[in-house]
Amino acid sequence: MIGDQWFPRLRTSSLQRFWQALLDALFPSKCLICGAFEGARPLDERVESDPLAHITAACFCESCRRGLNPITSPFCSTCGRPFVSREGDNHACWECLVEPRHFRKARSFGVYDGALMEAIHRLKYGRHTSLSRPLGALVGDTLFRFWDVNSVDLLVPVPLHLKRLRHRGFNQAHLLIQRWAKHDGIPFDGLTLLRNRWTEPQTALSRKERKKNIKGAFVVKTRDRIEGKKIVLVDDVYTTGSTVNECARVLMSAGAQIVDVLTLARAV
């Protein structure tokens, strides 16, 4: 599992615990989300069996780890939105039934609230790029849970307009995948799908306004990189799906065989 590769389990020998306690006392670690001084600790048996804690224990305090809300079934089989009722099987939600998507399926690690929302805001707007490692590991773990990676031809991050990229200094979607994609040998391409038109931030717009705002904002630079490929489109947050749906439409028009969507968080 990706968590095991990224955050090796701490041994619990007496010597290990001694040195860990000494290091924590001399160089206390801060939680990357809330800033609390709580260094990485040897995980107890309960936490060691939890893959989520195993990925995040070195970077997040216990309180913030509890504040993460992973998405579990039942959820929409198309857009991945979790249902209020926690009974029943996965099935298509009414939005996906009345408004067909250009992507096949979308999956997210967790709900966009609490500690996860704060972490994403600190990454994007606070420029705390160190968060891209644990958050990226959660994205990678989600890919391995919901896809057969051998069937994925290409990972494509949702692009930023050059003006916004210059202002922010990085594309958060690219940061979330680059480290583990290289480690696991999964091809990714951040240059073929381009945002060729400036768009206003989607945050304050209605669903209808979002669709209009994003229409025609993306273009495929090189069709040869896309034709016949099974693509997983990656972004930080799925809100209404307008952005990823427009990206999927452009990729499918360029000849992609399948487009799926992978995000860190899902707004509900």
Protein backbone atom coordinates (compact mmCIF):
# COMPACT_ATOMS: atom_id res chain seq x y z
CA MET A 1 0.00 0.00 0.00
CA ILE A 2 1.24 3.49 -0.79
CA GLY A 3 1.17 4.52 2.86
CA ASP A 4 3.68 1.80 3.74
CA GLN A 5 6.03 3.03 1.03
CA TRP A 6 5.85 6.66 2.04
CA PHE A 7 5.73 6.54 5.82
CA PRO A 8 7.63 3.47 7.03
CA ARG A 9 6.37 2.03 10.29
CA LEU A 10 8.38 2.97 13.34
CA ARG A 11 9.98 0.13 15.20
CA THR A 12 8.99 -0.11 18.82
CA SER A 13 12.25 -1.26 20.39
CA SER A 14 13.33 0.37 23.64
CA LEU A 15 16.22 2.11 21.90
CA GLN A 16 13.95 3.38 19.17
CA ARG A 17 11.49 4.78 21.71
CA PHE A 18 14.34 6.43 23.63
CA TRP A 19 15.75 8.21 20.59
CA GLN A 20 12.28 9.16 19.42
CA ALA A 21 11.50 10.75 22.80
CA LEU A 22 14.82 12.59 22.77
CA LEU A 23 14.27 13.92 19.25
CA ASP A 24 10.73 15.00 20.11
CA ALA A 25 12.03 16.89 23.13
CA LEU A 26 14.84 18.62 21.23
CA PHE A 27 13.05 19.15 17.92
CA PRO A 28 9.27 19.02 18.48
CA SER A 29 7.31 18.58 15.26
CA LYS A 30 4.39 20.81 14.43
CA CYS A 31 1.15 19.50 12.97
CA LEU A 32 1.07 20.70 9.37
CA ILE A 33 -2.62 21.56 9.65
CA CYS A 34 -3.18 23.25 13.03
CA GLY A 35 0.41 23.96 14.08
CA ALA A 36 0.21 22.06 17.37
CA PHE A 37 3.53 20.74 18.64
CA GLU A 38 3.09 16.99 18.43
CA GLY A 39 5.88 15.01 16.86
CA ALA A 40 5.58 11.73 15.07
CA ARG A 41 5.03 8.98 17.66
CA PRO A 42 5.38 5.20 17.49
CA LEU A 43 1.91 4.04 16.54
CA ASP A 44 0.00 1.85 18.96
CA GLU A 45 -1.59 -1.39 17.73
CA ARG A 46 -4.98 0.24 17.09
CA VAL A 47 -3.50 3.01 14.97
CA GLU A 48 -1.01 0.71 13.22
CA SER A 49 -3.92 -1.22 11.72
CA ASP A 50 -5.45 1.98 10.29
CA PRO A 51 -3.94 2.84 6.87
CA LEU A 52 -5.19 6.43 7.13
CA ALA A 53 -3.38 7.02 10.42
CA HIS A 54 -0.32 5.27 9.06
CA ILE A 55 -0.11 7.78 6.21
CA THR A 56 -0.78 10.90 8.27
CA ALA A 57 0.66 10.17 11.74
CA ALA A 58 4.04 11.70 10.91
CA CYS A 59 2.50 14.98 9.75
CA PHE A 60 -0.83 15.56 11.52
CA CYS A 61 -1.73 15.64 15.19
CA GLU A 62 -4.27 13.20 16.57
CA SER A 63 -7.02 15.82 16.66
CA CYS A 64 -6.58 16.72 12.98
CA ARG A 65 -6.42 13.06 12.02
CA ARG A 66 -9.77 12.56 13.72
CA GLY A 67 -11.06 15.57 11.78
CA LEU A 68 -10.50 13.86 8.43
CA ASN A 69 -13.69 12.35 7.05
CA PRO A 70 -12.94 9.63 4.45
CA ILE A 71 -15.70 8.86 1.94
CA THR A 72 -17.08 5.34 2.18
CA SER A 73 -19.98 3.52 0.55
CA PRO A 74 -22.70 4.19 -0.24
CA PHE A 75 -21.86 6.97 -2.70
CA CYS A 76 -22.85 7.93 -6.24
CA SER A 77 -21.35 5.40 -8.63
CA THR A 78 -20.67 8.20 -11.12
CA CYS A 79 -19.64 11.39 -9.32
CA GLY A 80 -18.67 9.81 -5.98
CA ARG A 81 -20.87 12.01 -3.80
CA PRO A 82 -21.61 10.25 -0.49
CA PHE A 83 -25.26 9.73 0.36
CA VAL A 84 -26.79 10.96 3.60
CA SER A 85 -28.21 7.52 4.29
CA ARG A 86 -25.45 5.10 5.26
CA GLU A 87 -27.46 2.10 4.09
CA GLY A 88 -27.73 0.53 0.65
CA ASP A 89 -25.38 0.08 -2.28
CA ASN A 90 -23.63 2.58 -4.53
CA HIS A 91 -25.89 3.97 -7.27
CA ALA A 92 -26.16 7.02 -9.52
CA CYS A 93 -27.40 10.21 -7.85
CA TRP A 94 -30.21 12.27 -9.37
CA GLU A 95 -27.79 14.93 -10.67
CA CYS A 96 -25.83 12.38 -12.69
CA LEU A 97 -29.07 10.86 -14.01
CA VAL A 98 -30.45 14.18 -15.29
CA GLU A 99 -27.10 15.68 -16.33
CA PRO A 100 -24.84 13.09 -17.99
CA ARG A 101 -21.11 13.43 -17.33
CA HIS A 102 -18.28 13.36 -19.84
CA PHE A 103 -16.20 11.35 -17.38
CA ARG A 104 -16.92 7.72 -16.47
CA LYS A 105 -16.50 7.97 -12.71
CA ALA A 106 -15.12 10.29 -10.03
CA ARG A 107 -13.69 9.26 -6.68
CA SER A 108 -12.34 11.32 -3.77
CA PHE A 109 -10.46 10.57 -0.58
CA GLY A 110 -12.63 12.55 1.82
CA VAL A 111 -15.32 15.12 2.47
CA TYR A 112 -14.31 18.74 1.96
CA ASP A 113 -14.74 20.01 5.50
CA GLY A 114 -12.95 20.26 8.83
CA ALA A 115 -9.27 19.39 8.91
CA LEU A 116 -9.13 18.39 5.24
CA MET A 117 -10.56 21.75 4.11
CA GLU A 118 -8.08 23.57 6.35
CA ALA A 119 -5.18 21.52 4.96
CA ILE A 120 -6.17 22.28 1.36
CA HIS A 121 -6.52 26.00 2.11
CA ARG A 122 -3.09 26.06 3.76
CA LEU A 123 -1.59 24.29 0.74
CA LYS A 124 -3.24 26.45 -1.94
CA TYR A 125 -3.50 29.89 -0.36
CA GLY A 126 -0.94 29.70 2.43
CA ARG A 127 1.66 28.11 0.15
CA HIS A 128 2.46 25.38 2.70
CA THR A 129 3.73 23.03 0.01
CA SER A 130 5.03 20.57 2.64
CA LEU A 131 1.39 19.47 2.91
CA SER A 132 1.55 18.08 -0.61
CA ARG A 133 3.38 15.00 0.66
CA PRO A 134 0.79 13.62 3.13
CA LEU A 135 -2.16 14.92 1.10
CA GLY A 136 -0.64 13.50 -2.07
CA ALA A 137 -0.21 10.15 -0.33
CA LEU A 138 -3.96 10.17 0.45
CA VAL A 139 -4.69 10.86 -3.21
CA GLY A 140 -2.38 8.05 -4.27
CA ASP A 141 -3.96 5.65 -1.80
CA THR A 142 -7.39 6.56 -3.24
CA LEU A 143 -6.18 5.77 -6.76
CA PHE A 144 -4.94 2.35 -5.66
CA ARG A 145 -8.24 1.61 -3.90
CA PHE A 146 -10.57 2.50 -6.77
CA TRP A 147 -8.54 1.78 -9.91
CA ASP A 148 -6.46 -0.99 -11.36
CA VAL A 149 -3.37 1.12 -11.92
CA ASN A 150 -2.24 -1.21 -14.70
CA SER A 151 -5.22 0.02 -16.71
CA VAL A 152 -4.35 3.71 -16.24
CA ASP A 153 -2.42 5.10 -19.20
CA LEU A 154 -1.97 8.68 -18.02
CA LEU A 155 -2.55 10.95 -15.03
CA VAL A 156 -3.48 14.51 -16.02
CA PRO A 157 -3.67 17.32 -13.43
CA VAL A 158 -6.32 19.98 -13.99
CA PRO A 159 -4.27 22.93 -15.28
CA LEU A 160 -4.14 26.49 -13.97
CA HIS A 161 -4.13 29.55 -16.19
CA LEU A 162 -0.59 30.90 -16.61
CA LYS A 163 -1.55 34.11 -14.77
CA ARG A 164 -2.77 32.17 -11.71
CA LEU A 165 0.18 29.77 -11.89
CA ARG A 166 2.61 32.70 -11.77
CA HIS A 167 0.76 34.23 -8.82
CA ARG A 168 0.52 31.01 -6.79
CA GLY A 169 3.85 29.57 -7.86
CA PHE A 170 2.62 25.98 -8.28
CA ASN A 171 -0.28 23.86 -9.47
CA GLN A 172 -1.63 22.05 -6.41
CA ALA A 173 -3.09 19.23 -8.53
CA HIS A 174 0.37 18.58 -9.97
CA LEU A 175 1.98 18.60 -6.51
CA LEU A 176 -0.53 16.03 -5.26
CA ILE A 177 0.56 13.41 -7.80
CA GLN A 178 4.12 14.05 -8.92
CA ARG A 179 5.99 12.32 -6.07
CA TRP A 180 4.11 9.02 -5.87
CA ALA A 181 3.43 8.85 -9.61
CA LYS A 182 7.17 8.92 -10.25
CA HIS A 183 7.77 6.42 -7.46
CA ASP A 184 5.24 3.95 -8.85
CA GLY A 185 6.08 4.54 -12.51
CA ILE A 186 2.65 5.90 -13.47
CA PRO A 187 2.91 8.31 -16.44
CA PHE A 188 1.61 11.82 -15.86
CA ASP A 189 1.42 14.86 -18.11
CA GLY A 190 0.94 18.42 -16.95
CA LEU A 191 1.63 20.07 -20.32
CA THR A 192 -0.85 18.59 -22.79
CA LEU A 193 -4.12 19.83 -21.27
CA LEU A 194 -3.93 23.63 -21.03
CA ARG A 195 -6.17 26.34 -19.62
CA ASN A 196 -6.08 28.81 -22.49
CA ARG A 197 -8.61 31.33 -21.17
CA TRP A 198 -8.68 33.23 -17.89
CA THR A 199 -11.69 32.38 -15.73
CA GLU A 200 -12.97 34.01 -12.59
CA PRO A 201 -12.62 31.94 -9.40
CA GLN A 202 -15.46 29.42 -9.19
CA THR A 203 -15.90 29.68 -5.42
CA ALA A 204 -18.62 32.36 -5.31
CA LEU A 205 -20.46 31.25 -8.47
CA SER A 206 -23.69 29.27 -8.74
CA ARG A 207 -23.79 25.94 -10.53
CA LYS A 208 -25.13 27.58 -13.72
CA GLU A 209 -22.55 30.36 -13.54
CA ARG A 210 -19.74 27.84 -13.01
CA LYS A 211 -20.64 25.94 -16.18
CA LYS A 212 -20.75 29.16 -18.21
CA ASN A 213 -17.54 30.49 -16.66
CA ILE A 214 -15.51 27.37 -17.44
CA LYS A 215 -16.91 26.66 -20.93
CA GLY A 216 -14.15 26.70 -23.56
CA ALA A 217 -11.40 27.35 -21.01
CA PHE A 218 -9.36 24.24 -21.82
CA VAL A 219 -7.59 22.93 -24.88
CA VAL A 220 -5.49 19.89 -25.73
CA LYS A 221 -2.08 20.90 -27.05
CA THR A 222 -1.01 17.54 -28.51
CA ARG A 223 -3.72 15.05 -29.48
CA ASP A 224 -1.18 12.25 -29.91
CA ARG A 225 -0.66 12.21 -26.12
CA ILE A 226 -4.40 11.72 -25.57
CA GLU A 227 -5.76 9.55 -28.38
CA GLY A 228 -6.84 6.10 -27.25
CA LYS A 229 -5.64 6.66 -23.68
CA LYS A 230 -7.38 5.76 -20.42
CA ILE A 231 -6.91 8.94 -18.43
CA VAL A 232 -7.35 9.80 -14.77
CA LEU A 233 -7.87 13.54 -14.35
CA VAL A 234 -6.63 14.84 -10.98
CA ASP A 235 -7.69 17.90 -8.97
CA ASP A 236 -7.75 18.96 -5.33
CA VAL A 237 -11.51 19.49 -4.83
CA TYR A 238 -14.64 18.29 -6.63
CA THR A 239 -17.37 20.87 -5.93
CA THR A 240 -20.09 20.88 -8.58
CA GLY A 241 -17.97 19.00 -11.10
CA SER A 242 -18.14 21.79 -13.70
CA THR A 243 -14.37 22.10 -14.08
CA VAL A 244 -13.53 18.40 -14.31
CA ASN A 245 -16.53 17.76 -16.55
CA GLU A 246 -15.34 20.43 -19.01
CA CYS A 247 -11.82 19.01 -18.90
CA ALA A 248 -13.21 15.52 -19.54
CA ARG A 249 -15.27 16.82 -22.48
CA VAL A 250 -12.16 18.34 -24.08
CA LEU A 251 -10.09 15.19 -23.47
CA MET A 252 -12.78 12.93 -24.92
CA SER A 253 -13.10 15.24 -27.94
CA ALA A 254 -9.33 14.87 -28.42
CA GLY A 255 -9.74 11.09 -28.68
CA ALA A 256 -9.32 9.78 -25.13
CA GLN A 257 -10.82 6.32 -24.66
CA ILE A 258 -11.90 6.90 -21.04
CA VAL A 259 -11.64 9.80 -18.62
CA ASP A 260 -12.02 9.26 -14.88
CA VAL A 261 -11.64 11.82 -12.12
CA LEU A 262 -9.61 11.59 -8.92
CA THR A 263 -9.72 14.34 -6.28
CA LEU A 264 -8.47 14.75 -2.76
CA ALA A 265 -11.76 16.14 -1.47
CA ARG A 266 -15.46 16.12 -2.39
CA ALA A 267 -17.77 18.97 -1.43
CA VAL A 268 -21.19 17.79 -0.24
